[in-house]
N, C-alpha and C. Protein backbone atom coordinates (compact mmCIF):
# COMPACT_ATOMS: atom_id res chain seq x y z
N MET A 1 -1.47 -0.85 -23.73
CA MET A 1 -1.45 0.21 -23.04
C MET A 1 -2.42 -0.71 -21.88
N ALA A 2 -2.40 -1.66 -21.25
CA ALA A 2 -2.27 -1.96 -20.45
C ALA A 2 -1.31 -2.32 -18.97
N HIS A 3 -0.44 -2.37 -19.85
CA HIS A 3 0.78 -2.85 -19.24
C HIS A 3 1.18 -0.27 -19.03
N ARG A 4 1.03 -0.23 -19.50
CA ARG A 4 1.66 1.21 -19.40
C ARG A 4 0.42 1.49 -18.19
N LEU A 5 -0.62 1.32 -18.34
CA LEU A 5 -1.62 2.04 -16.79
C LEU A 5 -1.60 1.25 -15.60
N PHE A 6 -1.14 -0.27 -15.72
CA PHE A 6 -0.38 -1.14 -14.73
C PHE A 6 1.61 -0.40 -13.36
N ARG A 7 1.75 0.08 -15.06
CA ARG A 7 2.85 0.86 -14.88
C ARG A 7 2.91 2.16 -13.97
N PHE A 8 2.00 3.09 -14.39
CA PHE A 8 1.42 3.91 -14.30
C PHE A 8 0.86 4.08 -13.00
N VAL A 9 -0.64 3.52 -12.59
CA VAL A 9 -1.33 2.92 -11.24
C VAL A 9 0.57 2.30 -10.38
N THR A 10 0.95 2.14 -10.64
CA THR A 10 1.82 1.64 -9.96
C THR A 10 2.58 2.49 -9.72
N MET A 11 3.82 3.46 -10.13
CA MET A 11 4.41 4.67 -10.56
C MET A 11 3.71 5.27 -9.27
N ILE A 12 2.17 5.26 -9.12
CA ILE A 12 1.45 7.27 -9.04
C ILE A 12 1.06 6.49 -6.96
N TRP A 13 1.27 4.51 -6.90
CA TRP A 13 1.02 3.96 -6.14
C TRP A 13 2.37 4.06 -4.74
N VAL A 14 2.60 3.48 -4.89
CA VAL A 14 4.08 3.61 -4.89
C VAL A 14 5.18 4.80 -4.92
N GLY A 15 4.50 6.21 -4.91
CA GLY A 15 5.73 7.07 -5.18
C GLY A 15 3.98 8.25 -4.31
N SER A 16 3.68 8.02 -4.16
CA SER A 16 2.42 9.21 -2.85
C SER A 16 2.92 8.13 -1.17
N LEU A 17 2.51 6.23 -1.47
CA LEU A 17 3.17 6.29 -0.29
C LEU A 17 4.84 6.44 0.26
N LEU A 18 6.25 6.74 -1.12
CA LEU A 18 7.24 6.70 -0.44
C LEU A 18 7.67 8.96 0.49
N THR A 19 7.09 9.62 -0.48
CA THR A 19 6.81 10.65 -0.49
C THR A 19 5.29 11.43 0.45
N LEU A 20 4.82 9.85 0.85
CA LEU A 20 3.83 10.79 2.08
C LEU A 20 4.50 10.80 3.53
N GLY A 21 5.29 8.91 3.35
CA GLY A 21 6.35 8.16 4.94
C GLY A 21 6.98 8.60 4.36
N LEU A 22 8.35 9.35 4.45
CA LEU A 22 9.63 9.85 3.80
C LEU A 22 9.57 11.72 3.82
N VAL A 23 9.10 12.04 3.65
CA VAL A 23 8.41 13.31 3.58
C VAL A 23 7.66 13.89 4.41
N ALA A 24 6.74 14.01 3.79
CA ALA A 24 5.46 14.85 4.03
C ALA A 24 5.42 14.47 6.02
N ALA A 25 4.93 13.79 6.07
CA ALA A 25 5.06 13.37 7.64
C ALA A 25 6.97 14.12 8.08
N PRO A 26 7.34 14.20 8.05
CA PRO A 26 8.66 14.12 9.39
C PRO A 26 8.59 15.90 9.72
N VAL A 27 8.84 16.50 7.79
CA VAL A 27 8.10 17.91 7.94
C VAL A 27 6.88 18.19 8.56
N LEU A 28 6.23 17.46 8.50
CA LEU A 28 4.15 18.29 9.68
C LEU A 28 4.94 17.66 11.13
N PHE A 29 5.64 16.49 11.23
CA PHE A 29 6.43 17.82 12.91
C PHE A 29 6.77 17.54 12.71
N SER A 30 7.81 17.80 12.57
CA SER A 30 9.20 19.09 12.46
C SER A 30 8.28 20.65 12.89
N MET A 31 7.42 20.91 12.02
CA MET A 31 7.05 22.28 11.85
C MET A 31 5.72 22.32 12.41
N LEU A 32 5.15 21.75 12.81
CA LEU A 32 3.56 21.70 13.80
C LEU A 32 3.83 21.16 15.00
N ASP A 33 3.10 21.46 16.09
CA ASP A 33 3.07 20.94 17.66
C ASP A 33 2.28 19.80 17.45
N ARG A 34 2.35 18.21 18.08
CA ARG A 34 2.04 16.83 17.50
C ARG A 34 1.26 16.57 18.40
N ALA A 35 0.17 17.55 17.85
CA ALA A 35 -1.36 17.26 18.27
C ALA A 35 -1.37 17.49 16.80
N ALA A 36 -1.75 18.88 16.73
CA ALA A 36 -1.90 19.48 14.54
C ALA A 36 -0.87 18.22 13.34
N ALA A 37 0.27 18.26 13.67
CA ALA A 37 0.95 17.60 13.11
C ALA A 37 0.40 15.96 13.18
N GLY A 38 -0.87 15.86 14.38
CA GLY A 38 -0.79 14.40 13.76
C GLY A 38 -2.50 14.17 12.81
N SER A 39 -3.23 15.41 13.71
CA SER A 39 -3.94 15.29 11.87
C SER A 39 -3.88 15.66 10.80
N VAL A 40 -3.18 16.41 10.88
CA VAL A 40 -3.46 16.47 9.40
C VAL A 40 -2.29 15.07 9.04
N ALA A 41 -1.38 14.32 9.09
CA ALA A 41 -1.04 13.79 9.22
C ALA A 41 -2.44 12.15 8.61
N ALA A 42 -3.36 11.95 9.89
CA ALA A 42 -4.16 11.11 10.04
C ALA A 42 -4.46 11.32 8.74
N GLN A 43 -5.05 12.51 8.61
CA GLN A 43 -5.77 12.84 6.28
C GLN A 43 -5.19 12.03 6.10
N TYR A 44 -3.99 13.13 5.93
CA TYR A 44 -3.42 12.09 4.53
C TYR A 44 -2.71 11.02 4.86
N PHE A 45 -2.50 10.07 5.35
CA PHE A 45 -2.89 8.44 5.79
C PHE A 45 -3.73 7.60 5.86
N ARG A 46 -4.99 8.67 5.89
CA ARG A 46 -6.91 8.24 5.48
C ARG A 46 -6.70 7.96 3.62
N ILE A 47 -6.24 9.60 2.90
CA ILE A 47 -6.77 9.43 2.21
C ILE A 47 -5.29 8.69 0.56
N GLU A 48 -4.26 8.36 1.58
CA GLU A 48 -3.75 7.04 1.26
C GLU A 48 -3.83 5.68 0.85
N ALA A 49 -4.74 5.60 2.60
CA ALA A 49 -5.25 4.05 1.80
C ALA A 49 -6.50 4.02 1.00
N PHE A 50 -7.05 4.77 0.53
CA PHE A 50 -7.75 4.97 -0.46
C PHE A 50 -7.55 4.38 -1.46
N VAL A 51 -6.13 5.70 -1.42
CA VAL A 51 -5.24 5.25 -2.15
C VAL A 51 -4.98 4.09 -3.05
N GLY A 52 -4.70 3.32 -1.82
CA GLY A 52 -3.48 1.73 -1.79
C GLY A 52 -4.42 1.60 -2.40
N VAL A 53 -5.77 0.89 -1.33
CA VAL A 53 -6.90 -0.05 -2.19
C VAL A 53 -7.02 -0.13 -3.67
N ALA A 54 -7.52 1.57 -3.82
CA ALA A 54 -7.69 1.28 -5.40
C ALA A 54 -6.84 1.34 -6.13
N SER A 55 -5.87 1.71 -6.20
CA SER A 55 -4.47 0.94 -5.96
C SER A 55 -4.65 -0.66 -7.02
N ALA A 56 -4.43 -1.03 -5.53
CA ALA A 56 -4.13 -2.33 -6.14
C ALA A 56 -4.71 -3.59 -6.38
N LEU A 57 -6.31 -2.45 -6.47
CA LEU A 57 -7.79 -3.65 -7.09
C LEU A 57 -7.02 -3.01 -8.43
N ILE A 58 -6.96 -2.56 -9.06
CA ILE A 58 -6.48 -1.30 -10.67
C ILE A 58 -6.16 -2.63 -10.69
N LEU A 59 -4.64 -2.49 -9.75
CA LEU A 59 -2.78 -4.16 -10.57
C LEU A 59 -3.25 -5.21 -10.31
N ILE A 60 -4.35 -5.54 -9.08
CA ILE A 60 -4.72 -7.57 -9.39
C ILE A 60 -6.22 -7.27 -10.23
N LEU A 61 -6.23 -7.01 -11.56
CA LEU A 61 -7.34 -7.43 -12.10
C LEU A 61 -6.18 -6.97 -13.02
N ILE A 62 -5.63 -5.88 -13.88
CA ILE A 62 -5.50 -5.93 -14.41
C ILE A 62 -3.24 -7.59 -15.13
N GLY A 63 -3.76 -7.56 -13.56
CA GLY A 63 -2.54 -8.23 -13.24
C GLY A 63 -3.15 -10.21 -13.83
N ASN A 64 -4.18 -9.91 -13.21
CA ASN A 64 -4.69 -11.52 -13.48
C ASN A 64 -4.84 -11.81 -15.64
N ARG A 65 -5.41 -10.59 -15.65
CA ARG A 65 -5.80 -10.46 -16.94
C ARG A 65 -4.84 -10.88 -18.09
N PHE A 66 -3.03 -10.24 -17.21
CA PHE A 66 -1.58 -10.70 -18.08
C PHE A 66 -2.28 -11.80 -17.64
N VAL A 67 -1.81 -12.92 -16.75
CA VAL A 67 -1.24 -13.50 -16.37
C VAL A 67 -2.00 -14.60 -17.34
N LYS A 68 -3.40 -14.90 -17.47
CA LYS A 68 -4.90 -16.15 -17.67
C LYS A 68 -4.18 -15.82 -19.45
N SER A 69 -3.87 -14.66 -20.02
CA SER A 69 -2.84 -14.34 -21.15
C SER A 69 -1.85 -14.68 -21.70
N GLY A 70 -1.78 -15.32 -20.43
CA GLY A 70 -0.28 -16.43 -20.77
C GLY A 70 0.87 -15.50 -20.51
N ILE A 71 0.99 -14.51 -20.26
CA ILE A 71 2.13 -13.51 -19.11
C ILE A 71 2.83 -13.63 -18.43
N ALA A 72 4.03 -14.62 -17.94
CA ALA A 72 4.03 -14.78 -17.15
C ALA A 72 4.46 -14.06 -15.98
N ASP A 73 5.37 -13.05 -16.00
CA ASP A 73 5.95 -11.93 -15.70
C ASP A 73 5.38 -11.56 -14.35
N TYR A 74 3.67 -11.45 -14.64
CA TYR A 74 2.69 -10.62 -13.73
C TYR A 74 1.99 -12.10 -12.57
N LYS A 75 3.23 -12.73 -12.25
CA LYS A 75 3.27 -13.73 -11.30
C LYS A 75 3.33 -14.55 -10.14
N ARG A 76 4.49 -12.78 -9.86
CA ARG A 76 4.83 -12.78 -9.26
C ARG A 76 4.33 -11.38 -9.24
N VAL A 77 4.30 -10.77 -9.90
CA VAL A 77 4.07 -9.53 -9.60
C VAL A 77 2.99 -8.98 -8.30
N ARG A 78 1.35 -10.00 -8.85
CA ARG A 78 0.12 -10.24 -8.88
C ARG A 78 1.35 -9.82 -7.10
N TRP A 79 2.08 -11.00 -6.83
CA TRP A 79 1.74 -10.81 -4.89
C TRP A 79 1.78 -10.18 -4.53
N ILE A 80 2.85 -9.39 -5.50
CA ILE A 80 3.62 -7.91 -4.04
C ILE A 80 2.64 -7.34 -3.51
N VAL A 81 1.67 -7.21 -4.92
CA VAL A 81 0.62 -6.25 -5.06
C VAL A 81 -0.54 -7.01 -3.78
N ALA A 82 -0.94 -7.75 -3.85
CA ALA A 82 -1.99 -9.04 -3.10
C ALA A 82 -1.03 -8.77 -1.30
N VAL A 83 -0.21 -7.84 -1.26
CA VAL A 83 1.07 -7.72 0.08
C VAL A 83 1.01 -6.01 0.38
N MET A 84 0.90 -5.84 -0.81
CA MET A 84 1.00 -4.58 -0.34
C MET A 84 -1.27 -4.06 0.15
N LEU A 85 -1.55 -4.62 -0.16
CA LEU A 85 -3.17 -4.43 0.28
C LEU A 85 -3.23 -4.54 1.04
N GLY A 86 -2.23 -5.89 1.94
CA GLY A 86 -2.71 -7.14 3.36
C GLY A 86 -2.42 -6.02 3.56
N CYS A 87 -1.07 -5.18 4.18
CA CYS A 87 -1.00 -4.35 5.21
C CYS A 87 -1.50 -3.14 4.65
N VAL A 88 -1.96 -2.84 4.26
CA VAL A 88 -3.27 -1.61 3.62
C VAL A 88 -4.19 -1.86 4.74
N LEU A 89 -4.73 -3.12 4.32
CA LEU A 89 -6.01 -3.28 5.00
C LEU A 89 -5.92 -3.50 6.98
N ALA A 90 -4.51 -4.23 7.20
CA ALA A 90 -4.29 -4.37 8.04
C ALA A 90 -3.87 -3.18 9.17
N GLY A 91 -2.96 -2.44 8.45
CA GLY A 91 -2.32 -1.01 8.28
C GLY A 91 -3.63 0.50 9.18
N TYR A 92 -4.50 0.40 8.14
CA TYR A 92 -5.25 0.87 7.93
C TYR A 92 -7.03 0.89 8.32
N PHE A 93 -7.14 0.14 8.22
CA PHE A 93 -8.58 0.04 8.36
C PHE A 93 -8.77 -1.27 9.03
N ALA A 94 -8.00 -1.82 10.05
CA ALA A 94 -7.72 -2.17 11.30
C ALA A 94 -7.56 -2.06 12.64
N LEU A 95 -6.10 -1.60 12.64
CA LEU A 95 -5.54 -0.65 13.78
C LEU A 95 -6.05 0.99 13.30
N GLN A 96 -6.23 1.88 12.48
CA GLN A 96 -6.16 2.59 12.85
C GLN A 96 -8.03 3.19 14.19
N PRO A 97 -8.86 2.91 13.90
CA PRO A 97 -10.36 2.98 14.21
C PRO A 97 -9.41 2.85 15.49
N PHE A 98 -9.10 1.81 16.09
CA PHE A 98 -8.02 0.84 17.11
C PHE A 98 -7.52 2.57 18.03
N MET A 99 -6.83 3.20 17.77
CA MET A 99 -5.38 4.46 17.33
C MET A 99 -6.60 5.71 17.27
N GLU A 100 -7.67 5.63 16.56
CA GLU A 100 -8.88 6.63 16.64
C GLU A 100 -9.67 7.38 18.03
N SER A 101 -9.87 5.91 18.87
CA SER A 101 -10.77 5.61 20.55
C SER A 101 -9.63 6.47 20.73
N LEU A 102 -8.84 5.89 20.96
CA LEU A 102 -8.11 6.99 21.40
C LEU A 102 -7.75 8.09 22.03
N ARG A 103 -7.64 8.89 20.70
CA ARG A 103 -7.86 10.03 20.42
C ARG A 103 -8.40 10.95 20.93
N VAL A 104 -9.24 9.76 20.71
CA VAL A 104 -10.83 10.76 20.87
C VAL A 104 -10.89 11.22 22.15
N ALA A 105 -10.61 9.73 23.32
CA ALA A 105 -10.62 9.56 24.88
C ALA A 105 -9.73 10.03 25.41
N ALA A 106 -9.06 9.80 25.14
CA ALA A 106 -7.80 11.50 25.33
C ALA A 106 -8.38 12.73 25.53
N GLN A 107 -9.06 13.31 24.32
CA GLN A 107 -9.76 14.44 24.35
C GLN A 107 -10.99 14.74 25.32
N GLU A 108 -11.65 13.63 25.49
CA GLU A 108 -12.69 13.34 25.88
C GLU A 108 -12.75 13.54 27.34
N SER A 109 -11.33 12.99 27.61
CA SER A 109 -11.09 13.08 29.44
C SER A 109 -10.56 14.92 29.34
N GLY A 110 -9.97 15.32 28.35
CA GLY A 110 -9.75 16.78 28.36
C GLY A 110 -7.97 16.70 29.08
N VAL A 111 -7.40 16.09 28.46
CA VAL A 111 -6.03 15.87 28.28
C VAL A 111 -5.22 15.38 26.80
N ALA A 112 -3.97 16.35 26.38
CA ALA A 112 -3.48 15.81 25.57
C ALA A 112 -3.46 14.15 25.23
N LEU A 113 -3.54 14.11 23.86
CA LEU A 113 -3.62 12.55 24.31
C LEU A 113 -2.14 11.88 24.71
N ALA A 114 -0.80 12.45 24.69
CA ALA A 114 0.63 12.34 25.92
C ALA A 114 0.38 12.15 26.80
N ASP A 115 -0.53 12.86 27.42
CA ASP A 115 -0.25 13.12 28.49
C ASP A 115 -1.39 12.16 29.19
N SER A 116 -1.96 11.56 28.81
CA SER A 116 -3.48 10.33 29.11
C SER A 116 -2.90 8.86 29.46
N PRO A 117 -3.87 8.49 30.36
CA PRO A 117 -3.33 7.94 30.40
C PRO A 117 -3.53 6.68 28.80
N TYR A 118 -4.26 6.42 27.93
CA TYR A 118 -4.37 5.85 26.28
C TYR A 118 -2.74 6.49 26.00
N ALA A 119 -1.78 7.33 26.61
CA ALA A 119 -0.35 7.18 25.26
C ALA A 119 -0.01 5.78 25.31
N LYS A 120 0.17 5.34 26.17
CA LYS A 120 1.07 3.81 26.26
C LYS A 120 0.11 2.19 24.99
N GLN A 121 -0.98 2.92 25.23
CA GLN A 121 -1.94 1.76 24.06
C GLN A 121 -2.00 2.86 22.68
N PHE A 122 -2.08 3.69 22.52
CA PHE A 122 -0.86 5.01 21.70
C PHE A 122 -0.32 4.25 20.54
N GLY A 123 1.18 4.09 21.63
CA GLY A 123 2.47 4.46 21.40
C GLY A 123 2.98 2.99 20.43
N ILE A 124 2.51 1.74 21.35
CA ILE A 124 2.44 0.54 20.68
C ILE A 124 0.94 -0.10 19.47
N LEU A 125 0.15 1.19 18.73
CA LEU A 125 -0.66 0.58 17.56
C LEU A 125 0.31 1.63 17.07
N HIS A 126 0.86 2.60 17.82
CA HIS A 126 1.43 3.04 16.37
C HIS A 126 2.98 3.46 15.52
N GLY A 127 3.75 2.01 16.67
CA GLY A 127 4.88 2.03 16.08
C GLY A 127 3.85 0.57 16.22
N ILE A 128 3.86 -0.26 15.79
CA ILE A 128 3.17 -1.23 14.63
C ILE A 128 2.40 -0.78 13.08
N SER A 129 1.66 0.39 13.16
CA SER A 129 1.50 0.91 12.25
C SER A 129 2.01 1.66 11.23
N SER A 130 3.00 2.08 11.89
CA SER A 130 4.71 2.39 11.13
C SER A 130 5.13 1.05 10.20
N ALA A 131 4.89 -0.01 11.83
CA ALA A 131 5.93 -1.23 10.42
C ALA A 131 5.26 -2.40 9.47
N ILE A 132 3.75 -1.68 9.86
CA ILE A 132 3.12 -1.76 8.98
C ILE A 132 3.52 -1.27 8.30
N TYR A 133 3.60 -0.03 7.59
CA TYR A 133 3.21 1.24 6.95
C TYR A 133 4.74 1.19 5.72
N LEU A 134 5.92 0.12 7.03
CA LEU A 134 6.71 -0.38 6.31
C LEU A 134 6.83 -0.76 5.40
N VAL A 135 6.87 -2.33 6.20
CA VAL A 135 6.32 -3.29 5.09
C VAL A 135 5.94 -3.05 3.91
N GLN A 136 5.74 -2.68 3.67
CA GLN A 136 4.53 -2.10 2.37
C GLN A 136 4.57 -1.05 1.45
N CYS A 137 6.15 -0.67 1.86
CA CYS A 137 7.02 0.76 0.96
C CYS A 137 8.27 -0.42 0.63
N LEU A 138 8.96 -1.57 1.46
CA LEU A 138 9.26 -1.79 0.95
C LEU A 138 8.40 -2.51 -0.23
N PHE A 139 7.96 -3.27 0.19
CA PHE A 139 7.30 -4.45 -0.96
C PHE A 139 7.28 -3.39 -2.28
N GLY A 140 6.22 -2.35 -2.09
CA GLY A 140 6.08 -1.52 -2.93
C GLY A 140 7.11 -1.43 -3.86
N ILE A 141 9.03 -0.77 -3.38
CA ILE A 141 9.96 -0.61 -4.53
C ILE A 141 10.60 -1.87 -4.80
N ALA A 142 10.02 -3.34 -4.30
CA ALA A 142 9.55 -4.67 -5.07
C ALA A 142 9.46 -4.72 -5.87
N LEU A 143 7.75 -3.74 -5.76
CA LEU A 143 6.57 -3.85 -7.51
C LEU A 143 7.93 -3.76 -8.30
N VAL A 144 8.19 -2.29 -7.77
CA VAL A 144 8.80 -1.59 -9.60
C VAL A 144 10.18 -2.08 -9.44
N TRP A 145 10.47 -2.61 -8.56
CA TRP A 145 11.94 -3.44 -9.00
C TRP A 145 12.35 -4.66 -10.36
N ARG A 146 10.06 -5.58 -10.30
CA ARG A 146 10.12 -6.51 -10.48
C ARG A 146 8.66 -6.34 -11.82
N LEU A 147 9.19 -4.79 -11.70
CA LEU A 147 8.18 -4.42 -12.90
C LEU A 147 8.31 -5.00 -14.22
N PRO A 148 7.79 -5.58 -15.02
CA PRO A 148 8.81 -6.65 -15.75
C PRO A 148 8.90 -5.09 -16.85
N GLY A 149 9.83 -4.99 -18.14
CA GLY A 149 10.37 -4.45 -18.62
C GLY A 149 9.31 -3.30 -19.71
N ASN A 150 9.78 -3.05 -21.29
CA ASN A 150 8.54 -2.87 -21.47
C ASN A 150 7.25 -4.09 -22.43
N ALA A 151 6.74 -4.01 -23.04
CA ALA A 151 6.14 -4.31 -23.43
C ALA A 151 5.62 -6.34 -23.68
N PRO A 152 5.18 -6.86 -21.93
CA PRO A 152 5.86 -7.64 -21.48
C PRO A 152 5.70 -8.77 -23.16
N THR A 153 5.40 -10.01 -22.95
CA THR A 153 5.59 -11.06 -24.57
C THR A 153 4.46 -12.06 -23.83
N ALA A 154 4.29 -12.74 -24.04
CA ALA A 154 3.24 -13.94 -24.19
C ALA A 154 3.62 -14.87 -23.98
N ILE A 155 3.52 -16.44 -23.00
CA ILE A 155 5.05 -17.08 -23.71
C ILE A 155 3.50 -18.18 -24.14
N VAL A 156 3.69 -18.21 -25.35
CA VAL A 156 3.04 -18.52 -25.69
C VAL A 156 3.80 -19.81 -27.73
N PRO A 157 3.95 -20.78 -27.10
CA PRO A 157 4.55 -21.98 -27.89
C PRO A 157 3.58 -22.21 -29.05
N LYS A 158 4.82 -22.96 -30.30
CA LYS A 158 4.10 -22.21 -32.11
C LYS A 158 3.06 -23.24 -31.75
N ASN A 159 1.39 -23.89 -32.12
CA ASN A 159 0.63 -24.18 -32.57
C ASN A 159 0.01 -24.53 -31.02
N LYS A 160 -0.06 -23.56 -29.88
CA LYS A 160 -0.83 -23.79 -28.28
C LYS A 160 -1.77 -22.86 -28.15
N SER A 161 -2.34 -23.20 -27.46
CA SER A 161 -2.46 -21.87 -27.33
C SER A 161 -2.61 -20.90 -24.99
N ALA A 162 -2.74 -19.38 -26.26
CA ALA A 162 -2.70 -18.89 -24.92
C ALA A 162 -3.00 -19.30 -23.76
N LYS A 163 -4.33 -20.18 -22.91
CA LYS A 163 -4.99 -21.23 -21.98
C LYS A 163 -3.83 -21.84 -21.41
N MET A 164 -3.42 -22.65 -22.43
CA MET A 164 -2.45 -23.14 -22.23
C MET A 164 -0.99 -23.25 -21.65
N ALA A 165 -0.54 -21.77 -22.42
CA ALA A 165 0.65 -20.90 -21.99
C ALA A 165 -0.20 -20.38 -20.70
N ALA A 166 -0.79 -19.46 -19.95
CA ALA A 166 -1.94 -19.46 -19.02
C ALA A 166 -1.73 -20.18 -18.41
N LYS A 167 -2.38 -22.15 -17.87
CA LYS A 167 -1.77 -23.06 -17.71
C LYS A 167 -1.11 -22.97 -16.98
N ARG A 168 0.24 -23.14 -18.07
CA ARG A 168 1.81 -23.82 -17.88
C ARG A 168 2.52 -22.25 -16.48
N ALA A 169 2.14 -21.36 -16.80
CA ALA A 169 2.47 -20.54 -16.09
C ALA A 169 2.23 -20.53 -14.60
N ARG A 170 1.45 -20.33 -14.85
CA ARG A 170 0.41 -20.83 -13.18
C ARG A 170 1.36 -22.12 -12.44
N SER A 171 1.26 -23.48 -13.56
CA SER A 171 1.98 -23.88 -12.28
C SER A 171 4.49 -24.18 -12.35
């Protein structure tokens, strides 16, 4: 059951990452003006950030449980999830507030962001944020690729406890 939950949460998270980055955002910018598309995309990425944090925490908890019970298949998978969580935290919770403050400063000065003196700074932060999102998507693909097959089996030799097998798997 936990293995299926792990796969389901992974599917939702990685699927939403790729759909938002490769489909929704480009469609928004092709159909709306830049300011409106940016506002809508910002809301989508905000939702995606919270989905990412929740998904990462669930996956790390389940992965830890599996590794402690001796299933070594999840050892590397946990690290992929941790890197993806780092990308969410850096991209959204670290860079996004700076980008938003530049957007607000441009609005308060009465000019569009693209015409404001903050445009260059915003462009740099947006480029860094986009690169982090790309890295997160690539790690998401790696996560799906590295998922163990059907129900994983514990590596517990005869006459050994699951605790010993987990200890062996960690080394």
